[in-house]
């Protein structure tokens, strides 16, 4: 393969010796690392170079010469184009094993720590799981139709034209093509760039972002579409605060979290369509149950839940303890958490708004001791918090992570600077068929 900066169209053979953190196969060609989309560990493939970089190259599979025994046929007809999934060609057991390896490698390489034991991976239904997401919209005049879908894998500037999505919530997954047909009839088809979707237990909401005011004809069309398919229709003419329902007048989005454990009675959480909620409802149930199991809160305990959102962990914890305090940076989510506590008859949960990426050590909630600490930060992790937390009285920390590198970094701080033990850790398949690694870890004093 040429070492010039130009990309040669000539296919080349490669042996895939590893699977990268993003789900691509890894090969070495002329001493240089090449990431090969669509290739699996152990496969011999013919690939074509797509992009050159100084330290690595990117390629895509042209033909699989020797297939991995773990290769399967993707269920989605759009899989080769769409960027929504990256691992449908790998069987489910191998997907979760690969994610476990990623977590272990990050602990070892970044945190210099190893769990005393590994938790069994949490898995749920791998299809129709996605209850929240964003669809891109583009009117293509040359094709005389509107495209609705996710971005193309090979060219993110373009929208993949999809008719259905196998990982999307079933109420919407089979109707993506109908959405495109609807938009193709609207006056505003050039000024609607995206549709966000969010499903509660009983209702799917669609949020149409529109750059110009909608005509009366378009409003009628959207209302009729919602009525026909039982979708709540929201409009977003500006920022997130501009979102408002079109039909019905007062839609209600909510989901329940429950357990067979009598101490963990059901709670129901109401939310707004752009609020952060866990994408996978089935996995969220399992995740909350595991977090409670690891925390092992007692009736006299005080628990601190940081990055609490609208109370996803806080309110189930409240069913078991004397007091729980939730802290979140987004004011709207805290308002919803307070509302959800009241709706569920929970009086011993309090909530605070605070930017947890800034020093909050002088805040009243941070100065009070806690028996257990739950962390569920975004990708950046919780390193700023660890400068002043946990307290000496804190005996257990459960850390829920959406990014293994930041978890590994923070685990190193908790173990090597705060003296905690990394008792156990494991992965949770929140996003099947993608390379996204969700994980949970237990630290003990």
Protein backbone atom coordinates (compact mmCIF):
# COMPACT_ATOMS: atom_id res chain seq x y z
CA UNK A 1 0.00 0.00 0.00
CA UNK A 2 1.38 3.39 -0.98
CA UNK A 3 2.75 5.56 1.85
CA UNK A 4 1.89 8.81 0.07
CA UNK A 5 -0.80 11.13 1.36
CA UNK A 6 -3.12 10.23 -1.51
CA UNK A 7 -5.73 7.56 -0.90
CA UNK A 8 -5.30 4.62 -3.24
CA UNK A 9 -8.51 2.99 -4.52
CA UNK A 10 -6.68 -0.34 -4.85
CA UNK A 11 -8.05 -2.91 -2.36
CA UNK A 12 -5.57 -4.67 -0.07
CA UNK A 13 -5.70 -7.76 2.12
CA UNK A 14 -5.47 -7.46 5.90
CA UNK A 15 -5.54 -9.73 8.93
CA UNK A 16 -7.63 -8.24 11.75
CA UNK A 17 -5.69 -8.66 14.99
CA UNK A 18 -7.91 -6.69 17.38
CA UNK A 19 -11.26 -4.96 17.79
CA UNK A 20 -11.01 -1.23 18.50
CA UNK A 21 -12.95 0.64 21.17
CA UNK A 22 -15.25 2.02 18.47
CA UNK A 23 -16.07 -1.44 17.10
CA UNK A 24 -13.78 -1.32 14.06
CA UNK A 25 -11.30 -4.05 13.25
CA UNK A 26 -7.61 -3.26 13.76
CA UNK A 27 -4.88 -4.33 11.31
CA UNK A 28 -1.20 -3.46 10.77
CA UNK A 29 -0.16 -2.58 7.22
CA UNK A 30 3.47 -1.67 6.55
CA UNK A 31 3.88 -1.10 10.29
CA UNK A 32 0.98 1.36 10.48
CA UNK A 33 -2.30 0.84 12.34
CA UNK A 34 -5.36 0.67 10.10
CA UNK A 35 -8.92 0.78 11.50
CA UNK A 36 -11.21 -1.25 9.24
CA UNK A 37 -14.97 -0.64 9.42
CA UNK A 38 -17.03 -3.82 9.20
CA UNK A 39 -14.18 -6.20 10.11
CA UNK A 40 -14.01 -8.50 13.15
CA UNK A 41 -11.20 -9.93 15.21
CA UNK A 42 -9.45 -12.87 13.51
CA UNK A 43 -10.85 -12.19 10.04
CA UNK A 44 -8.89 -12.04 6.80
CA UNK A 45 -10.47 -9.32 4.68
CA UNK A 46 -10.06 -7.30 1.53
CA UNK A 47 -10.33 -3.63 2.44
CA UNK A 48 -10.23 -0.26 0.75
CA UNK A 49 -8.48 2.77 2.22
CA UNK A 50 -10.76 5.73 3.01
CA UNK A 51 -8.60 8.24 4.92
CA UNK A 52 -4.96 8.69 5.78
CA UNK A 53 -3.71 10.21 9.02
CA UNK A 54 -0.24 10.71 10.40
CA UNK A 55 -0.35 7.87 12.92
CA UNK A 56 -3.14 5.65 11.57
CA UNK A 57 -5.32 5.05 8.52
CA UNK A 58 -9.03 4.28 8.07
CA UNK A 59 -10.45 1.68 5.72
CA UNK A 60 -13.63 -0.26 5.00
CA UNK A 61 -14.28 -3.91 4.21
CA UNK A 62 -14.74 -4.81 0.57
CA UNK A 63 -14.89 -8.58 1.06
CA UNK A 64 -14.58 -10.97 3.98
CA UNK A 65 -12.19 -13.75 2.92
CA UNK A 66 -12.17 -15.70 6.18
CA UNK A 67 -15.10 -14.88 8.46
CA UNK A 68 -15.11 -14.86 12.24
CA UNK A 69 -17.30 -17.57 13.81
CA UNK A 70 -18.97 -14.73 15.69
CA UNK A 71 -20.08 -12.89 12.54
CA UNK A 72 -23.85 -12.71 12.03
CA UNK A 73 -26.11 -11.22 9.38
CA UNK A 74 -27.25 -7.71 10.40
CA UNK A 75 -31.00 -7.47 10.95
CA UNK A 76 -31.26 -3.90 9.64
CA UNK A 77 -31.54 -3.40 5.88
CA UNK A 78 -29.81 0.01 6.22
CA UNK A 79 -26.91 -1.22 8.37
CA UNK A 80 -24.17 -0.80 5.76
CA UNK A 81 -24.98 2.91 5.37
CA UNK A 82 -26.43 4.13 8.67
CA UNK A 83 -24.23 5.30 11.54
CA UNK A 84 -26.82 4.45 14.18
CA UNK A 85 -25.29 1.03 14.89
CA UNK A 86 -21.76 -0.30 14.43
CA UNK A 87 -21.83 -3.91 15.70
CA UNK A 88 -24.88 -5.62 14.23
CA UNK A 89 -22.52 -7.96 12.36
CA UNK A 90 -21.18 -9.33 15.69
CA UNK A 91 -23.22 -11.77 17.79
CA UNK A 92 -24.68 -10.46 21.05
CA UNK A 93 -22.46 -12.49 23.40
CA UNK A 94 -19.31 -11.28 21.65
CA UNK A 95 -20.52 -7.67 21.73
CA UNK A 96 -20.84 -7.68 25.52
CA UNK A 97 -17.54 -9.56 25.91
CA UNK A 98 -15.81 -6.88 23.81
CA UNK A 99 -17.26 -4.15 26.03
CA UNK A 100 -16.05 -5.96 29.13
CA UNK A 101 -12.54 -6.05 27.62
CA UNK A 102 -12.67 -2.32 26.92
CA UNK A 103 -13.59 -1.62 30.55
CA UNK A 104 -10.85 -3.92 31.89
CA UNK A 105 -8.22 -2.37 29.61
CA UNK A 106 -9.18 1.15 30.70
CA UNK A 107 -8.96 0.24 34.38
CA UNK A 108 -5.52 -1.24 33.86
CA UNK A 109 -4.10 1.37 31.49
CA UNK A 110 -5.60 4.60 32.88
CA UNK A 111 -6.56 3.96 36.49
CA UNK A 112 -3.89 1.38 37.32
CA UNK A 113 -6.57 -0.56 39.22
CA UNK A 114 -8.25 -3.95 38.95
CA UNK A 115 -11.66 -4.90 40.42
CA UNK A 116 -11.56 -7.59 43.10
CA UNK A 117 -14.39 -9.28 41.18
CA UNK A 118 -16.31 -8.81 37.95
CA UNK A 119 -20.08 -8.41 37.99
CA UNK A 120 -22.12 -10.49 35.54
CA UNK A 121 -22.91 -8.28 32.51
CA UNK A 122 -26.40 -6.81 32.44
CA UNK A 123 -28.25 -7.39 29.19
CA UNK A 124 -31.84 -6.82 28.08
CA UNK A 125 -33.81 -6.99 24.83
CA UNK A 126 -31.34 -6.05 22.04
CA UNK A 127 -33.98 -4.82 19.54
CA UNK A 128 -36.56 -2.05 19.80
CA UNK A 129 -34.88 -0.71 22.91
CA UNK A 130 -34.18 2.91 21.97
CA UNK A 131 -36.83 5.16 23.51
CA UNK A 132 -35.01 8.45 22.91
CA UNK A 133 -33.02 9.93 20.05
CA UNK A 134 -32.75 12.45 17.26
CA UNK A 135 -33.55 11.92 13.59
CA UNK A 136 -32.00 14.16 10.96
CA UNK A 137 -34.18 15.58 8.18
CA UNK A 138 -33.08 16.76 4.75
CA UNK A 139 -35.11 17.73 1.71
CA UNK A 140 -33.22 16.56 -1.38
CA UNK A 141 -34.62 18.50 -4.31
CA UNK A 142 -32.76 16.41 -6.90
CA UNK A 143 -34.46 13.27 -5.60
CA UNK A 144 -37.76 15.11 -5.05
CA UNK A 145 -38.16 13.63 -1.57
CA UNK A 146 -37.39 14.21 2.08
CA UNK A 147 -34.91 11.95 3.84
CA UNK A 148 -35.43 11.10 7.52
CA UNK A 149 -32.85 9.02 9.37
CA UNK A 150 -29.48 9.01 11.07
CA UNK A 151 -26.27 10.28 9.49
CA UNK A 152 -24.42 8.10 7.01
CA UNK A 153 -21.52 6.11 8.42
CA UNK A 154 -19.05 6.94 5.65
CA UNK A 155 -20.20 10.52 5.06
CA UNK A 156 -21.79 12.23 8.10
CA UNK A 157 -22.82 15.21 5.97
CA UNK A 158 -25.52 13.05 4.41
CA UNK A 159 -28.67 11.55 5.91
CA UNK A 160 -29.33 7.83 5.49
CA UNK A 161 -32.72 7.27 3.92
CA UNK A 162 -34.36 4.65 6.13
CA UNK A 163 -37.83 3.11 6.10
CA UNK A 164 -37.60 1.48 9.51
CA UNK A 165 -35.20 1.21 12.45
CA UNK A 166 -34.76 -2.10 14.26
CA UNK A 167 -33.36 -0.63 17.48
CA UNK A 168 -35.89 2.20 17.81
CA UNK A 169 -38.93 1.89 20.08
CA UNK A 170 -41.47 -0.31 18.20
CA UNK A 171 -44.14 2.40 18.16
CA UNK A 172 -41.89 4.49 15.90
CA UNK A 173 -39.31 2.12 14.41
CA UNK A 174 -41.58 0.82 11.65
CA UNK A 175 -42.93 4.27 10.79
CA UNK A 176 -39.80 6.28 9.96
CA UNK A 177 -40.66 6.04 6.27
CA UNK A 178 -44.12 7.44 7.00
CA UNK A 179 -42.49 10.42 8.71
CA UNK A 180 -40.53 11.12 5.53
CA UNK A 181 -43.71 10.90 3.46
CA UNK A 182 -45.45 13.34 5.82
CA UNK A 183 -42.65 15.89 5.63
CA UNK A 184 -42.55 15.58 1.84
CA UNK A 185 -46.10 16.99 1.70
CA UNK A 186 -45.42 19.94 4.02
CA UNK A 187 -44.71 23.57 3.14
CA UNK A 188 -41.90 23.58 5.73
CA UNK A 189 -39.98 20.59 4.35
CA UNK A 190 -36.92 22.80 3.74
CA UNK A 191 -36.92 24.32 7.22
CA UNK A 192 -37.31 21.28 9.50
CA UNK A 193 -33.77 20.00 10.25
CA UNK A 194 -34.52 17.38 12.91
CA UNK A 195 -37.11 15.42 14.85
CA UNK A 196 -36.42 14.29 18.39
CA UNK A 197 -38.34 11.36 19.82
CA UNK A 198 -38.97 10.31 23.40
CA UNK A 199 -41.15 7.47 24.63
CA UNK A 200 -42.80 7.05 28.00
CA UNK A 201 -44.44 3.81 29.02
CA UNK A 202 -47.67 4.75 27.24
CA UNK A 203 -46.89 7.55 24.79
CA UNK A 204 -44.33 8.41 22.10
CA UNK A 205 -43.54 12.10 21.64
CA UNK A 206 -42.15 13.67 18.46
CA UNK A 207 -40.53 17.12 18.64
CA UNK A 208 -40.32 18.92 15.29
CA UNK A 209 -37.62 21.60 15.17
CA UNK A 210 -38.72 24.25 12.65
CA UNK A 211 -36.70 27.27 11.56
CA UNK A 212 -39.69 29.24 10.25
CA UNK A 213 -43.31 29.54 11.47
CA UNK A 214 -45.47 26.67 10.26
CA UNK A 215 -48.39 27.21 7.94
CA UNK A 216 -51.92 26.34 9.01
CA UNK A 217 -51.85 23.50 6.48
CA UNK A 218 -48.71 22.05 8.08
CA UNK A 219 -50.15 22.32 11.58
CA UNK A 220 -53.23 20.41 10.44
CA UNK A 221 -51.06 17.74 8.80
CA UNK A 222 -48.91 17.25 11.91
CA UNK A 223 -51.96 17.04 14.16
CA UNK A 224 -53.60 14.47 11.89
CA UNK A 225 -50.39 12.39 11.83
CA UNK A 226 -50.25 12.41 15.63
CA UNK A 227 -53.88 11.43 15.93
CA UNK A 228 -53.59 8.63 13.36
CA UNK A 229 -50.48 7.03 14.88
CA UNK A 230 -51.08 7.97 18.53
CA UNK A 231 -48.00 10.20 18.78
CA UNK A 232 -47.80 13.35 20.89
CA UNK A 233 -46.67 16.15 18.59
CA UNK A 234 -44.46 18.95 19.93
CA UNK A 235 -43.08 21.99 18.13
CA UNK A 236 -39.70 23.63 18.72
CA UNK A 237 -39.40 27.03 16.99
CA UNK A 238 -36.27 28.04 18.94
CA UNK A 239 -34.13 26.77 21.82
CA UNK A 240 -35.08 23.95 24.16
CA UNK A 241 -37.27 26.28 26.25
CA UNK A 242 -39.49 26.94 23.21
CA UNK A 243 -40.76 23.34 23.02
CA UNK A 244 -44.55 23.15 23.37
CA UNK A 245 -47.24 20.61 22.52
CA UNK A 246 -49.34 20.87 19.39
CA UNK A 247 -51.42 17.75 20.01
CA UNK A 248 -52.80 16.71 22.40
CA UNK A 249 -53.08 19.84 24.51
CA UNK A 250 -51.52 18.34 27.65
CA UNK A 251 -49.59 15.16 26.78
CA UNK A 252 -48.09 13.21 29.67
CA UNK A 253 -44.77 11.39 29.39
CA UNK A 254 -43.87 9.07 32.26
CA UNK A 255 -42.17 5.78 33.05
CA UNK A 256 -42.23 3.47 36.05
CA UNK A 257 -39.33 1.86 37.87
CA UNK A 258 -40.30 -1.19 39.88
CA UNK A 259 -39.04 -4.32 41.59
CA UNK A 260 -40.30 -7.48 43.23
CA UNK A 261 -38.45 -6.39 46.37
CA UNK A 262 -41.04 -5.01 48.79
CA UNK A 263 -38.52 -2.46 50.08
CA UNK A 264 -38.16 -1.08 46.55
CA UNK A 265 -41.73 -0.03 45.78
CA UNK A 266 -42.65 1.39 42.40
CA UNK A 267 -41.97 4.99 41.53
CA UNK A 268 -43.24 6.83 38.48
CA UNK A 269 -41.23 9.61 36.89
CA UNK A 270 -42.77 12.24 34.64
CA UNK A 271 -40.50 14.01 32.16
CA UNK A 272 -40.46 16.45 29.26
CA UNK A 273 -39.52 15.25 25.75
CA UNK A 274 -36.06 16.90 25.69
CA UNK A 275 -35.16 15.84 29.25
CA UNK A 276 -32.32 13.41 29.75
CA UNK A 277 -33.62 9.92 30.47
CA UNK A 278 -31.82 6.62 30.04
CA UNK A 279 -32.24 5.50 26.43
CA UNK A 280 -32.97 1.85 27.20
CA UNK A 281 -36.02 1.38 29.46
CA UNK A 282 -35.46 -2.33 30.12
CA UNK A 283 -31.80 -1.81 30.96
CA UNK A 284 -32.67 1.13 33.19
CA UNK A 285 -34.83 -1.15 35.33
CA UNK A 286 -31.96 -3.64 35.71
CA UNK A 287 -29.42 -0.88 36.31
CA UNK A 288 -31.39 0.77 39.11
CA UNK A 289 -31.92 -2.61 40.77
CA UNK A 290 -28.19 -3.40 40.58
CA UNK A 291 -27.22 0.03 41.92
CA UNK A 292 -29.48 -0.51 44.91
CA UNK A 293 -28.08 -3.98 45.47
CA UNK A 294 -24.51 -2.63 45.45
CA UNK A 295 -25.30 0.40 47.62
CA UNK A 296 -27.08 -1.82 50.16
CA UNK A 297 -28.69 1.23 51.84
CA UNK A 298 -30.11 0.74 55.34
CA UNK A 299 -33.21 2.40 56.89
CA UNK A 300 -31.12 4.83 58.97
CA UNK A 301 -28.74 5.85 56.15
CA UNK A 302 -28.22 9.20 54.45
CA UNK A 303 -27.38 8.88 50.74
CA UNK A 304 -26.02 11.51 48.35
CA UNK A 305 -26.96 11.12 44.65
CA UNK A 306 -24.89 13.35 42.36
CA UNK A 307 -25.86 14.10 38.74
CA UNK A 308 -29.32 12.93 39.83
CA UNK A 309 -31.30 14.16 36.81
CA UNK A 310 -35.05 13.89 37.41
CA UNK A 311 -34.63 11.33 40.21
CA UNK A 312 -33.98 8.09 38.33
CA UNK A 313 -31.89 6.69 41.21
CA UNK A 314 -32.83 9.16 43.95
CA UNK A 315 -36.48 8.21 44.32
CA UNK A 316 -35.99 4.40 44.35
CA UNK A 317 -33.23 4.93 46.94
CA UNK A 318 -35.62 7.07 49.00
CA UNK A 319 -37.91 4.07 49.48
CA UNK A 320 -35.15 2.44 51.55
CA UNK A 321 -33.38 5.13 53.57
CA UNK A 322 -33.89 7.87 56.13
CA UNK A 323 -32.75 10.64 53.80
CA UNK A 324 -31.51 11.04 50.25
CA UNK A 325 -30.14 14.21 48.66
CA UNK A 326 -30.01 14.66 44.89
CA UNK A 327 -27.85 17.26 43.15
CA UNK A 328 -28.07 18.18 39.46
CA UNK A 329 -26.80 21.01 37.29
CA UNK A 330 -29.89 21.51 35.13
CA UNK A 331 -32.61 23.53 36.80
CA UNK A 332 -35.45 22.00 34.80
CA UNK A 333 -34.47 18.46 35.78
CA UNK A 334 -34.38 19.44 39.45
CA UNK A 335 -37.87 20.91 39.14
CA UNK A 336 -39.05 17.61 37.67
CA UNK A 337 -37.29 15.65 40.44
CA UNK A 338 -39.06 17.70 43.14
CA UNK A 339 -42.36 17.20 41.31
CA UNK A 340 -41.75 13.45 40.99
CA UNK A 341 -40.94 13.11 44.68
CA UNK A 342 -44.21 14.82 45.61
CA UNK A 343 -46.23 12.71 43.15
CA UNK A 344 -44.80 9.54 44.68
CA UNK A 345 -45.45 10.66 48.25
CA UNK A 346 -41.73 10.87 49.07
CA UNK A 347 -41.01 13.52 51.69
CA UNK A 348 -37.45 12.65 52.76
CA UNK A 349 -35.75 13.40 49.41
CA UNK A 350 -34.35 16.87 48.81
CA UNK A 351 -32.84 18.29 45.63
CA UNK A 352 -30.35 21.05 44.83
CA UNK A 353 -29.19 22.79 41.64
CA UNK A 354 -25.39 22.98 41.39
CA UNK A 355 -22.73 22.87 38.70
CA UNK A 356 -20.85 19.74 39.72
CA UNK A 357 -17.93 20.59 37.45
CA UNK A 358 -17.17 23.54 39.72
CA UNK A 359 -15.96 23.42 43.33
CA UNK A 360 -19.02 22.96 45.54
CA UNK A 361 -17.27 21.99 48.78
CA UNK A 362 -18.80 24.92 50.68
CA UNK A 363 -22.38 24.06 49.69
CA UNK A 364 -24.53 22.87 52.59
CA UNK A 365 -25.30 19.54 50.91
CA UNK A 366 -21.58 18.87 50.34
CA UNK A 367 -20.61 19.56 53.97
CA UNK A 368 -23.10 17.09 55.43
CA UNK A 369 -21.82 13.51 55.87
CA UNK A 370 -23.30 10.64 53.86
CA UNK A 371 -23.19 6.89 54.34
CA UNK A 372 -23.35 6.07 50.64
CA UNK A 373 -22.59 8.06 47.53
CA UNK A 374 -24.01 7.43 44.05
CA UNK A 375 -22.35 9.05 41.04
CA UNK A 376 -23.85 9.05 37.54
CA UNK A 377 -21.85 11.71 35.67
CA UNK A 378 -21.76 12.49 31.94
CA UNK A 379 -18.76 11.49 29.80
CA UNK A 380 -16.42 13.95 31.51
CA UNK A 381 -16.63 12.00 34.77
CA UNK A 382 -16.49 13.26 38.34
CA UNK A 383 -12.86 14.22 38.95
CA UNK A 384 -13.68 17.73 40.24
CA UNK A 385 -15.98 16.25 42.90
CA UNK A 386 -13.29 13.88 44.09
CA UNK A 387 -11.22 16.83 45.29
CA UNK A 388 -13.59 17.20 48.27
CA UNK A 389 -15.71 14.04 48.31
CA UNK A 390 -16.26 11.39 49.62
CA UNK A 391 -16.49 12.08 53.35
CA UNK A 392 -14.73 9.94 55.94
CA UNK A 393 -18.12 8.54 56.97
CA UNK A 394 -18.86 7.33 53.44
CA UNK A 395 -18.50 3.57 53.35
CA UNK A 396 -19.76 2.76 49.86
CA UNK A 397 -19.71 4.47 46.47
CA UNK A 398 -21.58 3.24 43.41
CA UNK A 399 -20.34 4.85 40.20
CA UNK A 400 -22.50 4.55 37.07
CA UNK A 401 -20.51 5.48 33.97
CA UNK A 402 -21.17 6.13 30.29
CA UNK A 403 -17.46 6.45 29.48
CA UNK A 404 -14.93 3.81 30.60
CA UNK A 405 -11.91 6.13 30.37
CA UNK A 406 -13.30 8.70 32.82
CA UNK A 407 -14.48 5.92 35.16
CA UNK A 408 -11.00 4.38 35.10
CA UNK A 409 -9.37 7.75 35.81
CA UNK A 410 -11.72 8.43 38.74
CA UNK A 411 -11.31 4.87 40.02
CA UNK A 412 -7.58 5.49 40.25
CA UNK A 413 -8.25 8.59 42.36
CA UNK A 414 -10.68 6.81 44.68
CA UNK A 415 -8.34 3.85 45.20
CA UNK A 416 -4.92 5.50 45.22
CA UNK A 417 -5.76 8.83 46.86
CA UNK A 418 -8.87 8.18 48.97
CA UNK A 419 -8.01 4.64 50.04
CA UNK A 420 -11.14 2.93 48.70
CA UNK A 421 -11.15 -0.61 47.32
CA UNK A 422 -12.55 -1.28 43.86
CA UNK A 423 -14.71 -4.12 45.07
CA UNK A 424 -16.49 -4.98 41.81
CA UNK A 425 -17.30 -3.65 38.35
CA UNK A 426 -19.14 -4.73 35.23
CA UNK A 427 -20.72 -3.60 31.99
CA UNK A 428 -24.36 -2.93 31.15
CA UNK A 429 -25.54 -3.16 27.56
CA UNK A 430 -27.44 0.11 27.46
CA UNK A 431 -26.81 0.49 23.70
CA UNK A 432 -26.82 -2.95 22.01
CA UNK A 433 -25.23 -3.11 18.53
CA UNK A 434 -23.07 -0.05 19.23
CA UNK A 435 -19.59 0.28 20.71
CA UNK A 436 -20.90 2.44 23.57
CA UNK A 437 -19.79 1.04 26.95
CA UNK A 438 -22.00 1.66 29.97
CA UNK A 439 -20.64 0.33 33.26
CA UNK A 440 -21.09 0.28 37.01
CA UNK A 441 -18.52 -0.01 39.80
CA UNK A 442 -18.63 -0.47 43.57
CA UNK A 443 -16.04 1.11 45.85
CA UNK A 444 -15.78 0.29 49.56
CA UNK A 445 -13.88 2.08 52.33
